[in-house]
Protein backbone atom coordinates (compact mmCIF):
# COMPACT_ATOMS: atom_id res chain seq x y z
CA MET A 1 -11.12 -19.86 -28.55
CA ALA A 2 -8.94 -17.72 -26.27
CA PRO A 3 -6.36 -15.53 -28.03
CA THR A 4 -2.85 -16.95 -28.24
CA TRP A 5 0.11 -15.11 -26.74
CA ASP A 6 2.53 -16.96 -29.01
CA THR A 7 2.19 -14.63 -32.01
CA GLY A 8 2.02 -10.92 -32.69
CA GLU A 9 2.26 -7.92 -30.37
CA LYS A 10 -0.21 -8.38 -27.52
CA SER A 11 -0.91 -6.75 -24.17
CA ALA A 12 -3.86 -6.87 -21.80
CA LEU A 13 -5.04 -6.76 -18.21
CA LEU A 14 -5.83 -10.34 -17.21
CA SER A 15 -7.73 -11.39 -14.11
CA ILE A 16 -6.07 -13.83 -11.72
CA GLY A 17 -9.25 -14.06 -9.65
CA THR A 18 -8.57 -11.41 -7.00
CA HIS A 19 -7.41 -8.63 -9.33
CA SER A 20 -5.87 -8.12 -12.77
CA LEU A 21 -2.25 -8.03 -13.91
CA PHE A 22 -0.80 -6.43 -17.03
CA LEU A 23 0.79 -8.91 -19.44
CA SER A 24 2.59 -8.18 -22.71
CA ALA A 25 4.16 -10.39 -25.38
CA SER A 26 6.20 -9.58 -28.47
CA GLY A 27 8.81 -10.94 -30.82
CA PRO A 28 8.78 -13.70 -33.44
CA ALA A 29 5.98 -16.26 -33.53
CA ARG A 30 6.60 -19.11 -31.14
CA ALA A 31 6.51 -22.65 -32.42
CA ARG A 32 4.85 -25.29 -30.27
CA GLY A 33 7.24 -26.40 -27.55
CA ALA A 34 9.75 -23.60 -28.22
CA PRO A 35 11.12 -21.54 -25.29
CA ILE A 36 9.91 -18.07 -24.45
CA VAL A 37 11.84 -15.40 -22.54
CA LEU A 38 10.04 -14.46 -19.31
CA LEU A 39 11.03 -11.30 -17.41
CA LEU A 40 10.94 -10.94 -13.60
CA PRO A 41 11.95 -7.36 -12.63
CA GLY A 42 13.38 -6.20 -9.31
CA SER A 43 11.63 -4.83 -6.24
CA GLY A 44 9.42 -1.85 -6.95
CA SER A 45 10.38 -2.02 -10.64
CA THR A 46 8.22 -2.26 -13.74
CA ILE A 47 8.68 -3.53 -17.26
CA ALA A 48 9.16 0.11 -18.36
CA GLU A 49 12.80 -0.20 -17.29
CA TRP A 50 13.38 -3.05 -19.75
CA VAL A 51 12.37 -1.53 -23.09
CA ALA A 52 15.98 -1.26 -24.34
CA VAL A 53 16.74 -4.91 -23.53
CA ARG A 54 13.46 -6.04 -25.03
CA ARG A 55 14.24 -4.15 -28.25
CA LEU A 56 17.47 -6.13 -28.63
CA VAL A 57 15.98 -9.52 -27.75
CA ILE A 58 12.78 -9.67 -29.82
CA PRO A 59 14.59 -10.03 -33.16
CA PHE A 60 15.62 -13.55 -32.10
CA ALA A 61 13.30 -14.66 -29.26
CA ARG A 62 9.69 -14.45 -28.15
CA TRP A 63 9.46 -12.20 -25.07
CA VAL A 64 6.78 -12.03 -22.38
CA GLU A 65 6.70 -9.58 -19.47
CA TYR A 66 4.30 -8.43 -16.78
CA ASP A 67 3.92 -5.88 -14.00
CA ARG A 68 3.54 -7.30 -10.51
CA SER A 69 0.60 -6.40 -8.27
CA GLY A 70 0.58 -2.73 -7.36
CA LEU A 71 3.13 -1.75 -10.00
CA GLY A 72 2.93 -0.23 -13.46
CA ARG A 73 -0.32 -1.01 -15.24
CA SER A 74 -1.29 -3.89 -12.95
CA GLU A 75 -3.95 -3.54 -10.28
CA SER A 76 -3.15 -3.68 -6.57
CA ASP A 77 -4.28 -6.61 -4.51
CA SER A 78 -6.24 -5.74 -1.37
CA PRO A 79 -3.41 -5.92 1.24
CA VAL A 80 -1.27 -3.35 -0.56
CA SER A 81 -4.17 -1.01 -1.32
CA ARG A 82 -5.65 -1.02 2.22
CA ALA A 83 -5.02 1.81 4.66
CA ASP A 84 -3.10 -0.57 6.93
CA ALA A 85 -0.66 -1.48 4.15
CA ASN A 86 2.32 -0.73 6.40
CA THR A 87 1.56 -3.90 8.39
CA ASN A 88 1.64 -6.15 5.34
CA ALA A 89 4.50 -7.83 3.50
CA ILE A 90 4.88 -9.29 0.03
CA SER A 91 6.93 -12.46 -0.24
CA ALA A 92 8.82 -13.94 -3.18
CA VAL A 93 6.62 -17.04 -2.85
CA SER A 94 3.40 -15.02 -3.22
CA VAL A 95 4.80 -13.20 -6.26
CA ALA A 96 5.79 -16.49 -7.92
CA CYS A 97 2.38 -18.02 -7.19
CA GLU A 98 0.59 -15.02 -8.70
CA LEU A 99 2.77 -15.21 -11.81
CA ASP A 100 2.13 -18.94 -12.10
CA VAL A 101 -1.62 -18.29 -12.03
CA LEU A 102 -1.28 -15.49 -14.60
CA LEU A 103 0.71 -17.66 -17.02
CA LYS A 104 -1.81 -20.49 -16.74
CA LYS A 105 -4.79 -18.13 -17.18
CA ALA A 106 -3.17 -16.60 -20.27
CA GLY A 107 -2.07 -19.94 -21.68
CA VAL A 108 1.59 -18.92 -21.83
CA ALA A 109 3.00 -22.41 -21.53
CA PRO A 110 6.56 -23.46 -20.69
CA PRO A 111 9.40 -23.86 -21.42
CA TYR A 112 10.68 -20.56 -20.05
CA LEU A 113 14.02 -18.79 -20.19
CA LEU A 114 13.85 -16.69 -17.02
CA VAL A 115 15.50 -13.26 -16.91
CA CYS A 116 15.59 -11.71 -13.45
CA HIS A 117 17.02 -8.63 -11.80
CA SER A 118 17.70 -7.75 -8.17
CA TRP A 119 14.82 -9.02 -5.94
CA GLY A 120 13.56 -10.79 -9.05
CA GLY A 121 16.36 -13.28 -8.40
CA LEU A 122 14.34 -14.56 -5.43
CA THR A 123 10.99 -14.57 -7.22
CA ALA A 124 12.48 -16.32 -10.27
CA ARG A 125 13.89 -19.09 -8.14
CA GLU A 126 10.55 -19.53 -6.39
CA LEU A 127 8.94 -19.87 -9.83
CA LEU A 128 11.66 -22.39 -10.66
CA HIS A 129 10.67 -24.29 -7.50
CA LEU A 130 7.02 -24.41 -8.65
CA GLY A 131 8.00 -25.95 -12.00
CA PRO A 132 11.65 -27.03 -12.10
CA ARG A 133 11.23 -28.78 -15.47
CA ASP A 134 9.48 -25.73 -16.95
CA VAL A 135 12.68 -23.65 -16.92
CA VAL A 136 15.27 -24.31 -19.64
CA GLY A 137 17.68 -21.50 -18.83
CA MET A 138 18.17 -18.45 -16.62
CA VAL A 139 19.88 -15.06 -16.81
CA PHE A 140 20.57 -13.38 -13.46
CA VAL A 141 21.11 -9.61 -13.76
CA ASP A 142 22.77 -8.40 -10.54
CA ALA A 143 20.29 -10.64 -8.78
CA ASN A 144 19.77 -11.07 -5.05
CA THR A 145 20.18 -14.44 -3.38
CA GLU A 146 19.22 -15.94 -0.03
CA LYS A 147 22.56 -14.63 1.31
CA SER A 148 22.43 -11.05 0.00
CA PHE A 149 22.91 -8.39 2.68
CA ASP A 150 23.86 -11.20 5.09
CA GLY A 151 20.25 -12.33 5.20
CA GLY A 152 19.03 -9.04 6.67
CA ASN A 153 16.06 -6.92 5.70
CA TRP A 154 16.79 -4.37 3.02
CA PRO A 155 17.36 -1.49 3.23
CA LEU A 156 19.45 -1.70 6.40
CA PRO A 157 18.34 1.07 8.82
CA TYR A 158 21.69 2.89 9.02
CA ILE A 159 21.92 2.92 5.21
CA SER A 160 18.42 4.41 5.00
CA ALA A 161 19.40 7.06 7.55
CA VAL A 162 22.44 8.20 5.55
CA ILE A 163 20.65 8.08 2.19
CA GLY A 164 17.67 10.02 3.55
CA ASP A 165 15.53 11.49 0.78
CA LEU A 166 18.31 11.69 -1.82
CA ASP A 167 17.36 10.93 -5.42
CA TRP A 168 18.86 7.51 -6.17
CA ASN A 169 18.86 8.09 -9.93
CA GLU A 170 20.81 11.32 -9.63
CA ALA A 171 23.21 10.37 -6.85
CA THR A 172 24.27 7.07 -8.44
CA GLY A 173 24.61 8.61 -11.91
CA LEU A 174 21.84 6.49 -13.40
CA THR A 175 20.10 9.53 -14.89
CA ALA A 176 23.25 10.39 -16.86
CA THR A 177 24.22 6.85 -17.91
CA GLN A 178 20.93 5.09 -18.72
CA LYS A 179 20.40 4.25 -22.40
CA LEU A 180 16.63 4.66 -22.73
CA ALA A 181 15.09 7.17 -25.13
CA ARG A 182 13.95 10.38 -23.47
CA GLU A 183 10.27 9.46 -23.53
CA GLU A 184 11.06 5.96 -22.25
CA TRP A 185 13.00 7.37 -19.31
CA GLN A 186 10.11 9.69 -18.51
CA VAL A 187 7.79 6.68 -18.27
CA VAL A 188 10.19 5.04 -15.81
CA LEU A 189 10.22 8.20 -13.68
CA GLN A 190 6.44 8.44 -13.75
CA MET A 191 6.14 4.84 -12.59
CA GLN A 192 8.62 5.48 -9.76
CA GLN A 193 6.61 8.50 -8.58
CA ASP A 194 3.30 6.62 -8.45
CA PRO A 195 2.16 6.44 -4.78
CA ARG A 196 1.18 2.78 -5.32
CA HIS A 197 4.77 2.12 -6.29
CA HIS A 198 6.01 3.25 -2.87
CA LEU A 199 3.42 1.15 -1.02
CA THR A 200 4.32 -1.94 -3.03
CA GLU A 201 8.07 -1.44 -2.76
CA ALA A 202 7.77 -1.03 1.03
CA ALA A 203 5.67 -4.21 1.29
CA GLU A 204 8.23 -6.13 -0.80
CA SER A 205 10.99 -4.82 1.48
CA ARG A 206 9.12 -6.04 4.56
CA GLY A 207 8.89 -9.50 3.01
CA TYR A 208 12.53 -9.65 1.96
CA LYS A 209 14.19 -11.40 4.91
CA ALA A 210 11.44 -14.01 5.25
CA SER A 211 11.67 -14.66 1.49
CA GLN A 212 15.38 -15.38 1.86
CA ILE A 213 14.79 -17.82 4.72
CA VAL A 214 12.12 -19.70 2.77
CA LEU A 215 14.28 -19.90 -0.35
CA ALA A 216 17.36 -21.07 1.55
CA ALA A 217 15.36 -24.00 2.98
CA LYS A 218 14.78 -25.30 -0.55
CA LYS A 219 18.54 -26.01 -0.93
CA GLN A 220 18.59 -25.36 -4.67
CA PHE A 221 22.38 -25.03 -4.73
CA GLU A 222 22.89 -28.39 -3.05
CA SER A 223 20.53 -30.18 -5.47
CA GLN A 224 21.89 -28.27 -8.49
CA VAL A 225 18.27 -27.88 -9.49
CA LEU A 226 18.93 -26.84 -13.11
CA GLY A 227 21.17 -29.79 -13.93
CA ASP A 228 22.90 -29.04 -17.24
CA ARG A 229 20.57 -26.25 -18.32
CA PRO A 230 22.45 -23.02 -19.19
CA ILE A 231 22.62 -19.98 -16.93
CA SER A 232 24.38 -16.64 -17.12
CA VAL A 233 25.17 -14.57 -14.04
CA ILE A 234 25.78 -10.88 -14.70
CA ARG A 235 27.26 -9.05 -11.74
CA GLY A 236 26.86 -5.29 -11.67
CA ASN A 237 28.48 -2.91 -9.20
CA ALA A 238 25.81 -2.39 -6.56
CA PRO A 239 28.45 -1.62 -3.89
CA GLY A 240 29.66 1.21 -6.13
CA ASP A 241 26.16 2.65 -6.16
CA LEU A 242 26.06 2.45 -2.37
CA GLN A 243 29.42 4.21 -2.10
CA ARG A 244 28.07 7.05 -4.23
CA MET A 245 24.93 7.21 -2.06
CA TYR A 246 27.09 7.30 1.08
CA ASP A 247 29.19 10.16 -0.28
CA ALA A 248 26.10 12.13 -1.29
CA GLY A 249 24.40 11.44 2.04
CA VAL A 250 27.37 12.63 4.06
CA ALA A 251 27.63 15.74 1.88
CA ALA A 252 23.95 16.41 2.61
CA GLY A 253 24.50 16.00 6.36
CA ASN A 254 22.35 12.88 6.64
CA GLY A 255 22.60 10.29 9.41
CA THR A 256 24.35 10.21 12.76
CA GLU A 257 28.05 9.50 13.18
CA GLU A 258 27.09 5.97 14.23
CA ASP A 259 24.95 5.51 11.10
CA ARG A 260 27.87 6.63 8.96
CA ARG A 261 30.34 4.36 10.78
CA LEU A 262 28.11 1.32 10.27
CA PHE A 263 27.63 2.25 6.60
CA ARG A 264 31.41 2.53 6.12
CA GLU A 265 31.93 -0.86 7.76
CA TYR A 266 29.35 -2.37 5.44
CA LEU A 267 31.08 -0.88 2.39
CA GLU A 268 34.49 -2.27 3.41
CA LEU A 269 33.31 -5.85 2.79
CA ALA A 270 30.47 -5.20 0.35
CA ASP A 271 32.33 -5.83 -2.90
CA ARG A 272 33.89 -9.14 -1.85
CA LYS A 273 30.68 -10.43 -0.29
CA ASP A 274 28.53 -9.39 -3.24
CA HIS A 275 30.89 -11.17 -5.63
CA LEU A 276 30.67 -14.40 -3.60
CA TRP A 277 26.88 -14.21 -3.35
CA GLN A 278 26.53 -13.67 -7.09
CA GLU A 279 29.10 -16.30 -8.03
CA GLU A 280 27.29 -18.90 -5.95
CA LEU A 281 24.35 -18.69 -8.37
CA LEU A 282 26.46 -20.70 -10.82
CA ARG A 283 25.97 -23.70 -8.53
CA LEU A 284 22.35 -23.94 -9.70
CA SER A 285 23.64 -25.61 -12.89
CA ARG A 286 26.62 -27.52 -14.18
CA PHE A 287 26.69 -25.22 -17.24
CA GLY A 288 26.97 -21.48 -16.93
CA ARG A 289 29.14 -18.42 -17.12
CA PHE A 290 29.87 -15.38 -14.97
CA VAL A 291 30.08 -11.88 -16.49
CA ARG A 292 31.17 -8.71 -14.72
CA SER A 293 29.49 -5.48 -15.75
CA SER A 294 31.13 -2.08 -15.42
CA SER A 295 27.85 -0.39 -14.51
CA GLY A 296 26.03 -0.17 -11.19
CA HIS A 297 23.04 -2.19 -10.05
CA ASN A 298 20.76 -1.23 -12.95
CA VAL A 299 22.71 -3.02 -15.66
CA HIS A 300 19.61 -3.44 -17.83
CA MET A 301 19.25 0.31 -18.30
CA VAL A 302 22.96 1.21 -18.54
CA GLU A 303 24.25 -1.78 -20.54
CA PRO A 304 21.17 -3.28 -22.25
CA GLU A 305 23.36 -4.76 -24.98
CA LEU A 306 25.27 -6.83 -22.40
CA VAL A 307 22.06 -8.24 -20.95
CA ALA A 308 20.76 -9.04 -24.43
CA GLU A 309 24.05 -10.78 -25.30
CA GLU A 310 23.75 -13.03 -22.25
CA ILE A 311 20.13 -13.84 -23.05
CA LYS A 312 21.27 -14.78 -26.55
CA TRP A 313 24.06 -16.96 -25.15
CA VAL A 314 21.66 -18.88 -22.95
CA TRP A 315 19.09 -19.05 -25.77
CA ASP A 316 21.68 -20.54 -28.14
CA HIS A 317 22.71 -23.19 -25.60
CA ILE A 318 19.25 -24.45 -24.65
CA ASP A 319 18.99 -28.17 -25.33
CA GLU A 320 22.65 -28.27 -26.40
């Protein structure tokens, strides 16, 4: 009999046919038919960023997490690992399909409470599309939508030009404000410096715009796909992070005057637009709440207690 992922602390590399993905489960034993929290991290991110949130959630809920292809302890699939990787793209649909296969191979059955961050907002909603009745609640942590960045590829070229090779963690203040233990933060940094990480993140970026177009066509807002199932939308301050990157980039002499002008124009409307994009996520359900975080984009590392509180709120309102 295959080992169950519903009890104990477990982690393993599991084959999905083409390659293997790292899966981990922890928290209280799961009764048959009970929900399980399922994490979908952002672009280029690994589960290492989520240890503080996980620590706060596992006292009350079973938690399962995985590293996507080419990230963390998971293997790369062939397109990302090939020499011509710069011609390939990773879509939210392909990520959701891989995760669906992994969950079925492992026997991690629904129902799921999905927790997603950033680009994970797109992949989570594609997983929701694959099994709309499998999802009993969702927590969006500064998540992207089909309208984020006005439907354009991210990062926008003039923003990349001004940011240059600046250290995002340092320039946005994440290094100083994150709440991970020292050794946990070092693991995050090691993952970020892995050459495979950069290949995968670039491939996910190339697939971003197409992923938005495909998701928009599913019209999940119009159908209110989650019905009365609870959702929480946590909005961070990603525009604030971009403002700090702009200031640091200008101080470093990065970008042309035109690049800087376009970046400033983007920032003028960024906060209002981001708020509207995030708030629209509430339309997925008739039952949800909107929470504003005081931190930047990486709420899960700066305010892990807030994310855990919203997971608990959704958890407590499942089947209510």
